[in-house]
């Protein structure tokens, strides 16, 4: 009985750490936590009705994955994403996603879920003054993650999900105007079509092109500031 209780306790703690980790990671991706924001262990512990121990463990994981910087005697902060960081992330991401495209095309994966996500993104984009940037951001990340999942390769999906793809930074490049969103959505539709047609060569080529264009648009936006 003691050992069963101990195991349950460990499982509960592990699940709590996972919950805090995913919550903070999603907030970064959706732009709800800006670069440089200080994270309060006390506030997070109150928010999740727990001690500071699981909060600290979650923050350590976030630091390992590049989302957070922990400074001794100062605290934990959302990591600033530099142009170099963004470029390196894009390079790794491009090859992970192009590999996912190849496998998805080879396996004849069904892209219907991707099409449904794009329909939701279009509806948000065309909502006018009520356009919800954060909701669009979440769907944008979901589209690319679901595309990677189509490869049905757990290691590939895990590696991809651990990248710090800050949607705040990505949206700065993409949704600064209607033309940027429209172009991005066209490219997304082209990727879906390549999967549906099992066009491996075009899928890989266009995925790389799609992400290089994002990188270049982001560079131009940063340089214009």
C-alpha atoms as a PDB file:
ATOM      1  CA  UNK A   1       0.000   0.000   0.000  1.00  0.00           C
ATOM      2  CA  UNK A   2       2.821   2.370   0.809  1.00  0.00           C
ATOM      3  CA  UNK A   3       4.476   1.810  -2.551  1.00  0.00           C
ATOM      4  CA  UNK A   4       1.206   2.235  -4.446  1.00  0.00           C
ATOM      5  CA  UNK A   5       0.650   5.522  -2.621  1.00  0.00           C
ATOM      6  CA  UNK A   6       4.188   6.651  -3.394  1.00  0.00           C
ATOM      7  CA  UNK A   7       3.746   5.868  -7.096  1.00  0.00           C
ATOM      8  CA  UNK A   8       0.467   7.780  -7.236  1.00  0.00           C
ATOM      9  CA  UNK A   9       2.133  10.735  -5.540  1.00  0.00           C
ATOM     10  CA  UNK A  10       5.005  10.733  -8.039  1.00  0.00           C
ATOM     11  CA  UNK A  11       2.594  10.469 -10.987  1.00  0.00           C
ATOM     12  CA  UNK A  12       0.517  13.378  -9.684  1.00  0.00           C
ATOM     13  CA  UNK A  13       3.600  15.558  -9.221  1.00  0.00           C
ATOM     14  CA  UNK A  14       4.856  14.669 -12.686  1.00  0.00           C
ATOM     15  CA  UNK A  15       1.481  15.537 -14.222  1.00  0.00           C
ATOM     16  CA  UNK A  16       1.438  18.858 -12.384  1.00  0.00           C
ATOM     17  CA  UNK A  17       4.910  19.734 -13.685  1.00  0.00           C
ATOM     18  CA  UNK A  18       3.760  18.838 -17.205  1.00  0.00           C
ATOM     19  CA  UNK A  19       0.663  21.029 -16.814  1.00  0.00           C
ATOM     20  CA  UNK A  20       2.659  24.066 -15.664  1.00  0.00           C
ATOM     21  CA  UNK A  21       5.258  23.492 -18.374  1.00  0.00           C
ATOM     22  CA  UNK A  22       2.676  23.260 -21.176  1.00  0.00           C
ATOM     23  CA  UNK A  23       0.709  26.236 -19.843  1.00  0.00           C
ATOM     24  CA  UNK A  24       3.734  28.539 -19.850  1.00  0.00           C
ATOM     25  CA  UNK A  25       5.009  27.223 -23.187  1.00  0.00           C
ATOM     26  CA  UNK A  26       1.645  27.889 -24.828  1.00  0.00           C
ATOM     27  CA  UNK A  27       1.502  31.385 -23.362  1.00  0.00           C
ATOM     28  CA  UNK A  28       4.884  32.165 -24.909  1.00  0.00           C
ATOM     29  CA  UNK A  29       3.828  30.770 -28.290  1.00  0.00           C
ATOM     30  CA  UNK A  30       0.630  32.810 -28.277  1.00  0.00           C
ATOM     31  CA  UNK A  31       2.415  36.013 -27.322  1.00  0.00           C
ATOM     32  CA  UNK A  32       0.722  36.236 -23.909  1.00  0.00           C
ATOM     33  CA  UNK A  33       4.123  36.246 -22.202  1.00  0.00           C
ATOM     34  CA  UNK A  34       6.484  38.715 -23.818  1.00  0.00           C
ATOM     35  CA  UNK A  35      10.247  38.380 -24.099  1.00  0.00           C
ATOM     36  CA  UNK A  36      11.976  39.421 -20.880  1.00  0.00           C
ATOM     37  CA  UNK A  37       8.912  38.902 -18.657  1.00  0.00           C
ATOM     38  CA  UNK A  38       9.846  37.827 -15.125  1.00  0.00           C
ATOM     39  CA  UNK A  39       8.018  34.733 -13.887  1.00  0.00           C
ATOM     40  CA  UNK A  40       7.026  34.677 -10.226  1.00  0.00           C
ATOM     41  CA  UNK A  41       7.327  31.258  -8.602  1.00  0.00           C
ATOM     42  CA  UNK A  42       4.980  32.362  -5.818  1.00  0.00           C
ATOM     43  CA  UNK A  43       2.281  33.561  -8.209  1.00  0.00           C
ATOM     44  CA  UNK A  44       2.517  30.416 -10.311  1.00  0.00           C
ATOM     45  CA  UNK A  45       2.335  28.237  -7.191  1.00  0.00           C
ATOM     46  CA  UNK A  46      -0.850  30.065  -6.142  1.00  0.00           C
ATOM     47  CA  UNK A  47      -2.288  29.808  -9.655  1.00  0.00           C
ATOM     48  CA  UNK A  48      -1.825  26.036  -9.725  1.00  0.00           C
ATOM     49  CA  UNK A  49      -2.529  25.501  -6.005  1.00  0.00           C
ATOM     50  CA  UNK A  50       0.789  23.805  -5.378  1.00  0.00           C
ATOM     51  CA  UNK A  51       4.152  24.329  -3.720  1.00  0.00           C
ATOM     52  CA  UNK A  52       7.021  26.074  -5.495  1.00  0.00           C
ATOM     53  CA  UNK A  53       8.800  22.751  -6.149  1.00  0.00           C
ATOM     54  CA  UNK A  54       6.807  21.660  -9.239  1.00  0.00           C
ATOM     55  CA  UNK A  55       6.941  25.251 -10.504  1.00  0.00           C
ATOM     56  CA  UNK A  56      10.736  25.207 -10.287  1.00  0.00           C
ATOM     57  CA  UNK A  57      10.893  21.854 -12.071  1.00  0.00           C
ATOM     58  CA  UNK A  58       8.688  23.177 -14.871  1.00  0.00           C
ATOM     59  CA  UNK A  59      10.862  26.290 -15.192  1.00  0.00           C
ATOM     60  CA  UNK A  60      13.992  24.133 -15.409  1.00  0.00           C
ATOM     61  CA  UNK A  61      12.432  22.188 -18.281  1.00  0.00           C
ATOM     62  CA  UNK A  62      11.500  25.421 -20.017  1.00  0.00           C
ATOM     63  CA  UNK A  63      15.080  26.611 -19.630  1.00  0.00           C
ATOM     64  CA  UNK A  64      16.383  23.380 -21.177  1.00  0.00           C
ATOM     65  CA  UNK A  65      14.051  23.874 -24.146  1.00  0.00           C
ATOM     66  CA  UNK A  66      15.089  27.488 -24.657  1.00  0.00           C
ATOM     67  CA  UNK A  67      11.921  29.239 -23.484  1.00  0.00           C
ATOM     68  CA  UNK A  68      13.218  30.585 -20.180  1.00  0.00           C
ATOM     69  CA  UNK A  69      16.445  31.986 -18.751  1.00  0.00           C
ATOM     70  CA  UNK A  70      17.094  31.352 -15.044  1.00  0.00           C
ATOM     71  CA  UNK A  71      19.425  33.903 -13.459  1.00  0.00           C
ATOM     72  CA  UNK A  72      20.762  32.973  -9.977  1.00  0.00           C
ATOM     73  CA  UNK A  73      19.624  35.358  -7.214  1.00  0.00           C
ATOM     74  CA  UNK A  74      17.410  37.178  -9.714  1.00  0.00           C
ATOM     75  CA  UNK A  75      14.733  34.874 -11.067  1.00  0.00           C
ATOM     76  CA  UNK A  76      13.315  33.258 -14.181  1.00  0.00           C
ATOM     77  CA  UNK A  77      12.620  35.262 -17.327  1.00  0.00           C
ATOM     78  CA  UNK A  78      11.079  34.581 -20.731  1.00  0.00           C
ATOM     79  CA  UNK A  79      14.027  34.347 -23.090  1.00  0.00           C
ATOM     80  CA  UNK A  80      14.566  37.175 -25.556  1.00  0.00           C
ATOM     81  CA  UNK A  81      14.443  35.883 -29.138  1.00  0.00           C
ATOM     82  CA  UNK A  82      17.194  37.493 -31.192  1.00  0.00           C
ATOM     83  CA  UNK A  83      17.459  37.530 -34.973  1.00  0.00           C
ATOM     84  CA  UNK A  84      20.177  34.873 -34.687  1.00  0.00           C
ATOM     85  CA  UNK A  85      17.917  32.696 -32.505  1.00  0.00           C
ATOM     86  CA  UNK A  86      15.076  33.058 -34.979  1.00  0.00           C
ATOM     87  CA  UNK A  87      17.275  32.194 -37.944  1.00  0.00           C
ATOM     88  CA  UNK A  88      18.675  29.092 -36.238  1.00  0.00           C
ATOM     89  CA  UNK A  89      15.197  27.963 -35.188  1.00  0.00           C
ATOM     90  CA  UNK A  90      13.909  28.444 -38.714  1.00  0.00           C
ATOM     91  CA  UNK A  91      16.764  26.416 -40.177  1.00  0.00           C
ATOM     92  CA  UNK A  92      16.139  23.468 -37.837  1.00  0.00           C
ATOM     93  CA  UNK A  93      12.386  23.784 -38.221  1.00  0.00           C
ATOM     94  CA  UNK A  94      12.597  23.864 -42.021  1.00  0.00           C
ATOM     95  CA  UNK A  95      14.362  20.534 -42.244  1.00  0.00           C
ATOM     96  CA  UNK A  96      12.169  18.876 -39.614  1.00  0.00           C
ATOM     97  CA  UNK A  97       9.018  19.979 -41.426  1.00  0.00           C
ATOM     98  CA  UNK A  98      10.345  19.073 -44.872  1.00  0.00           C
ATOM     99  CA  UNK A  99      11.148  15.592 -43.524  1.00  0.00           C
ATOM    100  CA  UNK A 100       7.619  15.374 -42.132  1.00  0.00           C
ATOM    101  CA  UNK A 101       6.285  16.401 -45.551  1.00  0.00           C
ATOM    102  CA  UNK A 102       8.275  13.649 -47.262  1.00  0.00           C
ATOM    103  CA  UNK A 103       7.044  10.960 -44.872  1.00  0.00           C
ATOM    104  CA  UNK A 104       3.438  12.213 -44.978  1.00  0.00           C
ATOM    105  CA  UNK A 105       3.456  12.167 -48.793  1.00  0.00           C
ATOM    106  CA  UNK A 106       5.078   8.731 -48.923  1.00  0.00           C
ATOM    107  CA  UNK A 107       2.482   7.322 -46.526  1.00  0.00           C
ATOM    108  CA  UNK A 108      -0.489   8.897 -48.300  1.00  0.00           C
ATOM    109  CA  UNK A 109      -1.506  10.813 -45.166  1.00  0.00           C
ATOM    110  CA  UNK A 110      -4.952  12.432 -45.038  1.00  0.00           C
ATOM    111  CA  UNK A 111      -4.603  16.254 -44.773  1.00  0.00           C
ATOM    112  CA  UNK A 112      -8.294  16.869 -43.949  1.00  0.00           C
ATOM    113  CA  UNK A 113      -7.467  18.051 -40.431  1.00  0.00           C
ATOM    114  CA  UNK A 114      -5.009  20.585 -41.861  1.00  0.00           C
ATOM    115  CA  UNK A 115      -7.702  21.899 -44.206  1.00  0.00           C
ATOM    116  CA  UNK A 116     -10.106  22.315 -41.288  1.00  0.00           C
ATOM    117  CA  UNK A 117      -7.514  24.337 -39.366  1.00  0.00           C
ATOM    118  CA  UNK A 118      -6.893  26.553 -42.403  1.00  0.00           C
ATOM    119  CA  UNK A 119     -10.645  27.158 -42.713  1.00  0.00           C
ATOM    120  CA  UNK A 120     -10.695  28.338 -39.092  1.00  0.00           C
ATOM    121  CA  UNK A 121      -7.710  30.600 -39.747  1.00  0.00           C
ATOM    122  CA  UNK A 122      -9.422  32.095 -42.808  1.00  0.00           C
ATOM    123  CA  UNK A 123     -12.582  32.762 -40.797  1.00  0.00           C
ATOM    124  CA  UNK A 124     -10.578  34.604 -38.145  1.00  0.00           C
ATOM    125  CA  UNK A 125      -8.615  36.573 -40.724  1.00  0.00           C
ATOM    126  CA  UNK A 126     -11.805  37.736 -42.442  1.00  0.00           C
ATOM    127  CA  UNK A 127     -13.534  38.717 -39.196  1.00  0.00           C
ATOM    128  CA  UNK A 128     -12.489  42.353 -39.635  1.00  0.00           C
ATOM    129  CA  UNK A 129     -12.081  44.517 -36.547  1.00  0.00           C
ATOM    130  CA  UNK A 130     -12.773  41.541 -34.280  1.00  0.00           C
ATOM    131  CA  UNK A 131      -9.685  39.703 -35.590  1.00  0.00           C
ATOM    132  CA  UNK A 132      -8.214  37.712 -32.688  1.00  0.00           C
ATOM    133  CA  UNK A 133      -4.441  37.662 -33.165  1.00  0.00           C
ATOM    134  CA  UNK A 134      -3.857  35.249 -30.295  1.00  0.00           C
ATOM    135  CA  UNK A 135      -6.411  32.749 -31.591  1.00  0.00           C
ATOM    136  CA  UNK A 136      -4.921  32.991 -35.080  1.00  0.00           C
ATOM    137  CA  UNK A 137      -1.484  32.467 -33.574  1.00  0.00           C
ATOM    138  CA  UNK A 138      -2.602  29.316 -31.767  1.00  0.00           C
ATOM    139  CA  UNK A 139      -4.153  27.903 -34.936  1.00  0.00           C
ATOM    140  CA  UNK A 140      -1.054  28.715 -36.950  1.00  0.00           C
ATOM    141  CA  UNK A 141       1.127  26.728 -34.573  1.00  0.00           C
ATOM    142  CA  UNK A 142      -1.458  23.923 -34.500  1.00  0.00           C
ATOM    143  CA  UNK A 143      -1.381  23.704 -38.319  1.00  0.00           C
ATOM    144  CA  UNK A 144       2.371  23.160 -38.437  1.00  0.00           C
ATOM    145  CA  UNK A 145       2.355  20.760 -35.479  1.00  0.00           C
ATOM    146  CA  UNK A 146      -0.439  18.683 -37.012  1.00  0.00           C
ATOM    147  CA  UNK A 147       1.474  18.612 -40.293  1.00  0.00           C
ATOM    148  CA  UNK A 148       4.473  17.156 -38.465  1.00  0.00           C
ATOM    149  CA  UNK A 149       2.209  14.637 -36.715  1.00  0.00           C
ATOM    150  CA  UNK A 150       1.050  13.348 -40.109  1.00  0.00           C
ATOM    151  CA  UNK A 151       4.466  11.692 -40.420  1.00  0.00           C
ATOM    152  CA  UNK A 152       3.460   9.447 -37.486  1.00  0.00           C
ATOM    153  CA  UNK A 153       7.000   9.595 -36.124  1.00  0.00           C
ATOM    154  CA  UNK A 154       6.960  10.168 -32.367  1.00  0.00           C
ATOM    155  CA  UNK A 155      10.610  11.229 -32.150  1.00  0.00           C
ATOM    156  CA  UNK A 156      10.149  13.757 -34.948  1.00  0.00           C
ATOM    157  CA  UNK A 157       7.040  15.190 -33.282  1.00  0.00           C
ATOM    158  CA  UNK A 158       8.740  15.374 -29.878  1.00  0.00           C
ATOM    159  CA  UNK A 159      11.804  17.121 -31.310  1.00  0.00           C
ATOM    160  CA  UNK A 160       9.633  19.616 -33.171  1.00  0.00           C
ATOM    161  CA  UNK A 161       7.385  20.366 -30.187  1.00  0.00           C
ATOM    162  CA  UNK A 162      10.398  21.249 -28.045  1.00  0.00           C
ATOM    163  CA  UNK A 163      11.514  24.048 -30.356  1.00  0.00           C
ATOM    164  CA  UNK A 164      10.847  27.538 -29.028  1.00  0.00           C
ATOM    165  CA  UNK A 165       8.673  28.673 -31.919  1.00  0.00           C
ATOM    166  CA  UNK A 166       7.520  31.911 -30.354  1.00  0.00           C
ATOM    167  CA  UNK A 167       4.332  32.761 -32.211  1.00  0.00           C
ATOM    168  CA  UNK A 168       4.651  36.380 -31.169  1.00  0.00           C
ATOM    169  CA  UNK A 169       7.816  36.585 -33.264  1.00  0.00           C
ATOM    170  CA  UNK A 170       6.372  34.592 -36.137  1.00  0.00           C
ATOM    171  CA  UNK A 171       3.193  36.656 -36.306  1.00  0.00           C
ATOM    172  CA  UNK A 172       5.236  39.845 -36.371  1.00  0.00           C
ATOM    173  CA  UNK A 173       6.564  38.675 -39.711  1.00  0.00           C
ATOM    174  CA  UNK A 174       3.327  37.209 -41.041  1.00  0.00           C
ATOM    175  CA  UNK A 175       0.287  39.117 -39.895  1.00  0.00           C
ATOM    176  CA  UNK A 176       1.566  42.663 -39.858  1.00  0.00           C
ATOM    177  CA  UNK A 177      -0.840  43.244 -42.774  1.00  0.00           C
ATOM    178  CA  UNK A 178      -3.551  41.477 -44.777  1.00  0.00           C
ATOM    179  CA  UNK A 179      -1.221  40.801 -47.670  1.00  0.00           C
ATOM    180  CA  UNK A 180       1.173  38.898 -45.390  1.00  0.00           C
ATOM    181  CA  UNK A 181      -1.588  36.686 -43.996  1.00  0.00           C
ATOM    182  CA  UNK A 182      -3.097  36.100 -47.421  1.00  0.00           C
ATOM    183  CA  UNK A 183       0.217  35.010 -48.884  1.00  0.00           C
ATOM    184  CA  UNK A 184       0.940  32.717 -45.953  1.00  0.00           C
ATOM    185  CA  UNK A 185      -2.472  31.061 -46.243  1.00  0.00           C
ATOM    186  CA  UNK A 186      -1.940  30.496 -49.969  1.00  0.00           C
ATOM    187  CA  UNK A 187       1.329  28.764 -49.163  1.00  0.00           C
ATOM    188  CA  UNK A 188      -0.358  26.644 -46.484  1.00  0.00           C
ATOM    189  CA  UNK A 189      -2.984  25.507 -49.005  1.00  0.00           C
ATOM    190  CA  UNK A 190      -0.241  24.580 -51.457  1.00  0.00           C
ATOM    191  CA  UNK A 191       1.407  22.395 -48.808  1.00  0.00           C
ATOM    192  CA  UNK A 192      -1.888  20.613 -48.144  1.00  0.00           C
ATOM    193  CA  UNK A 193      -2.349  20.016 -51.871  1.00  0.00           C
ATOM    194  CA  UNK A 194       1.126  18.463 -52.114  1.00  0.00           C
ATOM    195  CA  UNK A 195       0.249  16.019 -49.320  1.00  0.00           C
ATOM    196  CA  UNK A 196      -3.085  15.155 -50.934  1.00  0.00           C
ATOM    197  CA  UNK A 197      -1.351  14.511 -54.267  1.00  0.00           C
ATOM    198  CA  UNK A 198       1.481  12.573 -52.568  1.00  0.00           C
ATOM    199  CA  UNK A 199       3.894  14.881 -54.385  1.00  0.00           C
ATOM    200  CA  UNK A 200       7.061  14.259 -52.369  1.00  0.00           C
ATOM    201  CA  UNK A 201       9.390  16.435 -54.431  1.00  0.00           C
ATOM    202  CA  UNK A 202       7.063  19.448 -54.496  1.00  0.00           C
ATOM    203  CA  UNK A 203       6.122  19.009 -50.837  1.00  0.00           C
ATOM    204  CA  UNK A 204       9.730  19.109 -49.652  1.00  0.00           C
ATOM    205  CA  UNK A 205      10.686  21.921 -52.016  1.00  0.00           C
ATOM    206  CA  UNK A 206       7.740  24.122 -51.150  1.00  0.00           C
ATOM    207  CA  UNK A 207       8.027  23.560 -47.400  1.00  0.00           C
ATOM    208  CA  UNK A 208      11.619  24.804 -47.444  1.00  0.00           C
ATOM    209  CA  UNK A 209      10.615  27.731 -49.650  1.00  0.00           C
ATOM    210  CA  UNK A 210       7.679  28.568 -47.339  1.00  0.00           C
ATOM    211  CA  UNK A 211       9.863  28.775 -44.241  1.00  0.00           C
ATOM    212  CA  UNK A 212      12.717  30.630 -45.955  1.00  0.00           C
ATOM    213  CA  UNK A 213      10.163  33.243 -47.056  1.00  0.00           C
ATOM    214  CA  UNK A 214       8.985  33.597 -43.464  1.00  0.00           C
ATOM    215  CA  UNK A 215      12.553  34.102 -42.323  1.00  0.00           C
ATOM    216  CA  UNK A 216      13.168  36.751 -44.984  1.00  0.00           C
ATOM    217  CA  UNK A 217       9.913  38.594 -44.188  1.00  0.00           C
ATOM    218  CA  UNK A 218      10.856  38.638 -40.524  1.00  0.00           C
ATOM    219  CA  UNK A 219      14.298  40.044 -41.336  1.00  0.00           C
ATOM    220  CA  UNK A 220      12.765  42.853 -43.368  1.00  0.00           C
ATOM    221  CA  UNK A 221      10.359  43.743 -40.570  1.00  0.00           C
ATOM    222  CA  UNK A 222      13.152  43.847 -37.988  1.00  0.00           C
ATOM    223  CA  UNK A 223      15.398  45.932 -40.230  1.00  0.00           C
ATOM    224  CA  UNK A 224      12.571  48.409 -40.816  1.00  0.00           C
ATOM    225  CA  UNK A 225      12.235  49.175 -37.094  1.00  0.00           C
END
